[in-house]
Structure formats: structure tokens, C-alpha cells
Amino acid sequence: TMYGVALLLSFITTKTNLNGHFMSYFMGWTLILFGLLKLEDPKSFSIGFRRYDLFAENSELYAKAYPFLEVLLGVLFLFEIFLMPVTVITLAVYLSTALGLLIALHKGEDMYCLCLGTRFQLPLSIIAMLESLVMIGMAVWMLMM
């Protein structure tokens, strides 16, 4: 899974850089990997993403920029640059997605979650919220460190 790959990369990164924080590396690799999946078909991603993300439904530009934002945030986490603002932005981004998913689930809308890009047809469900919930948990953890 993507989290397994991110976990492995985080252990390798931590071993090669003793001054870094594991959680920062884990968040960085996770964001980069998920962002790259979304960049395989950015146009279709942005169209589908606007159907449930609270920020994206109000901004086509945000929906189109989202995969790039994910990769950028991941790189900033890897290099541990501006960790506090990057963590707060990451938290806001994933709260927007999680709340949008929750609203769509409550309405019983039939759509796909694009957390893994457009290649995977992951039905919108509580399980599909896993990416957002894990990232929210990691961001909260980072804010408490």
C-alpha cells in the first residue's frame, strides 16, 4: 500500500538523517506519493474532486492545483521547512476534504473518492475517508510535538 511505501521511505530517510523527525518524513513521503497518483490525470481528478472537497467546490483553481500542493507540502515536510505553517495548511486541506466526504456520505451520493487519483475506482465510503483521517491525525500529532 501507499502508506507502507511511505513508511519504508520514512525509515530509510530517518536512518540517513539523524537530526530529522520520523513523522515529518512520513507525512512528506505520504503527501508526495498521493500527489503523484493524482497527477496521472489532473484534469479528471480536479473535476471529480470538486464534487466533494469544500475548498475545491468553490475554486476550480484550487482543485487543479491540489495535486501540486500535496507534492509541495510533502517536499517541505521532507526538508523540514516552515514545519508549523506547513502542518497547519495540511490540517486545513485534509479537514476540508474530510468534511466534504462526510457531507457527501450523509447525502448518500454515489461517487468515487479520488484520494488515490483517478486510476482506482474507490467508492465513496467511510473507508475512503481513511487518507484524510490519517493525515489529520498526523498533522495534529505534528502540532503537539
Protein backbone atom coordinates (compact mmCIF):
# COMPACT_ATOMS: atom_id res chain seq x y z
CA THR A 1 0.00 0.00 0.00
CA MET A 2 0.99 3.65 -0.29
CA TYR A 3 1.28 4.02 3.48
CA GLY A 4 3.61 1.02 3.58
CA VAL A 5 5.86 2.53 0.91
CA ALA A 6 5.80 5.89 2.73
CA LEU A 7 6.64 4.11 5.99
CA LEU A 8 9.61 2.32 4.41
CA LEU A 9 10.89 5.52 2.80
CA SER A 10 10.50 7.32 6.14
CA PHE A 11 12.59 4.73 7.98
CA ILE A 12 15.30 5.00 5.29
CA THR A 13 15.21 8.81 5.42
CA THR A 14 15.36 8.81 9.23
CA LYS A 15 18.35 6.44 9.22
CA THR A 16 20.27 8.67 6.79
CA ASN A 17 19.44 11.91 8.63
CA LEU A 18 19.67 11.56 12.39
CA ASN A 19 18.51 15.13 13.02
CA GLY A 20 15.13 14.73 11.33
CA HIS A 21 11.78 13.74 12.74
CA PHE A 22 10.21 10.50 11.58
CA MET A 23 6.67 11.93 11.46
CA SER A 24 7.80 14.79 9.24
CA TYR A 25 9.34 12.30 6.82
CA PHE A 26 6.29 10.04 6.95
CA MET A 27 3.95 12.92 6.17
CA GLY A 28 6.27 14.15 3.44
CA TRP A 29 6.54 10.83 1.62
CA THR A 30 2.81 10.15 2.02
CA LEU A 31 1.87 13.53 0.54
CA ILE A 32 4.31 13.15 -2.35
CA LEU A 33 3.11 9.64 -3.22
CA PHE A 34 -0.58 10.54 -3.06
CA GLY A 35 0.04 13.75 -5.01
CA LEU A 36 1.87 11.88 -7.76
CA LEU A 37 -1.05 9.46 -8.12
CA LYS A 38 -3.38 12.41 -8.61
CA LEU A 39 -1.06 13.92 -11.22
CA GLU A 40 -1.55 10.93 -13.54
CA ASP A 41 -4.80 12.56 -14.74
CA PRO A 42 -5.03 16.03 -13.22
CA LYS A 43 -7.99 17.18 -15.34
CA SER A 44 -10.26 14.27 -14.37
CA PHE A 45 -9.04 14.50 -10.79
CA SER A 46 -9.98 18.17 -10.49
CA ILE A 47 -13.45 17.58 -11.98
CA GLY A 48 -14.22 14.75 -9.55
CA PHE A 49 -12.56 16.42 -6.58
CA ARG A 50 -14.82 19.46 -6.94
CA ARG A 51 -17.80 17.20 -6.24
CA TYR A 52 -16.89 16.71 -2.58
CA ASP A 53 -13.99 18.82 -1.29
CA LEU A 54 -15.26 22.01 0.41
CA PHE A 55 -12.45 24.24 -0.87
CA ALA A 56 -12.42 22.70 -4.35
CA GLU A 57 -16.17 23.01 -4.89
CA ASN A 58 -15.74 26.79 -4.62
CA SER A 59 -12.49 27.10 -6.58
CA GLU A 60 -11.61 25.38 -9.83
CA LEU A 61 -8.06 26.73 -9.46
CA TYR A 62 -7.69 25.04 -6.06
CA ALA A 63 -8.99 21.75 -7.49
CA LYS A 64 -6.48 21.91 -10.35
CA ALA A 65 -3.60 22.94 -8.06
CA TYR A 66 -4.36 20.39 -5.32
CA PRO A 67 -2.06 17.56 -6.52
CA PHE A 68 0.80 20.05 -6.91
CA LEU A 69 0.03 21.47 -3.46
CA GLU A 70 0.18 17.97 -1.99
CA VAL A 71 3.59 17.33 -3.55
CA LEU A 72 4.88 20.76 -2.46
CA LEU A 73 3.71 20.21 1.13
CA GLY A 74 5.37 16.79 1.05
CA VAL A 75 8.69 18.25 -0.09
CA LEU A 76 8.50 20.92 2.63
CA PHE A 77 7.88 18.20 5.23
CA LEU A 78 10.85 16.17 3.94
CA PHE A 79 13.19 19.12 4.16
CA GLU A 80 11.51 20.29 7.39
CA ILE A 81 10.99 23.81 6.03
CA PHE A 82 8.31 26.01 7.66
CA LEU A 83 7.02 23.00 9.59
CA MET A 84 4.42 24.84 11.67
CA PRO A 85 2.68 26.68 8.79
CA VAL A 86 3.00 23.62 6.51
CA THR A 87 1.38 21.45 9.19
CA VAL A 88 -1.47 23.93 9.71
CA ILE A 89 -2.07 24.16 5.94
CA THR A 90 -2.03 20.36 5.67
CA LEU A 91 -4.53 20.12 8.51
CA ALA A 92 -6.85 22.65 6.82
CA VAL A 93 -6.57 20.90 3.45
CA TYR A 94 -7.47 17.50 4.86
CA LEU A 95 -10.22 18.85 7.13
CA SER A 96 -11.83 20.36 4.01
CA THR A 97 -11.71 17.02 2.25
CA ALA A 98 -12.88 15.01 5.27
CA LEU A 99 -15.82 17.32 5.94
CA GLY A 100 -16.78 17.29 2.27
CA LEU A 101 -16.62 13.49 2.22
CA LEU A 102 -18.72 13.31 5.38
CA ILE A 103 -21.38 15.59 3.85
CA ALA A 104 -21.42 13.55 0.62
CA LEU A 105 -21.73 10.31 2.61
CA HIS A 106 -24.56 11.77 4.68
CA LYS A 107 -26.40 12.75 1.48
CA GLY A 108 -25.85 9.22 0.17
CA GLU A 109 -24.24 10.49 -3.02
CA ASP A 110 -22.94 7.85 -5.42
CA MET A 111 -19.44 8.90 -6.43
CA TYR A 112 -15.83 7.87 -6.21
CA CYS A 113 -13.25 9.16 -3.77
CA LEU A 114 -10.20 10.44 -5.61
CA CYS A 115 -7.77 10.10 -2.70
CA LEU A 116 -5.71 7.71 -4.85
CA GLY A 117 -6.25 9.62 -8.08
CA THR A 118 -8.47 8.52 -10.95
CA ARG A 119 -6.80 5.16 -11.64
CA PHE A 120 -8.53 3.49 -8.70
CA GLN A 121 -12.32 3.49 -8.61
CA LEU A 122 -12.64 3.71 -4.82
CA PRO A 123 -16.32 4.09 -3.90
CA LEU A 124 -17.14 6.91 -1.54
CA SER A 125 -17.38 5.27 1.88
CA ILE A 126 -16.08 5.58 5.42
CA ILE A 127 -13.05 3.55 4.27
CA ALA A 128 -12.39 6.16 1.56
CA MET A 129 -12.04 8.78 4.31
CA LEU A 130 -9.02 6.92 5.68
CA GLU A 131 -6.46 9.08 3.85
CA SER A 132 -7.96 12.30 5.18
CA LEU A 133 -8.38 10.97 8.70
CA VAL A 134 -4.84 9.60 8.86
CA MET A 135 -3.39 12.87 7.54
CA ILE A 136 -5.47 14.87 10.04
CA GLY A 137 -4.19 12.65 12.84
CA MET A 138 -0.58 13.03 11.72
CA ALA A 139 -0.94 16.82 11.41
CA VAL A 140 -2.39 17.03 14.93
CA TRP A 141 0.49 14.85 16.15
CA MET A 142 2.99 17.21 14.48
CA LEU A 143 1.34 20.25 16.08
CA MET A 144 1.66 18.63 19.51
CA MET A 145 5.38 17.82 19.07
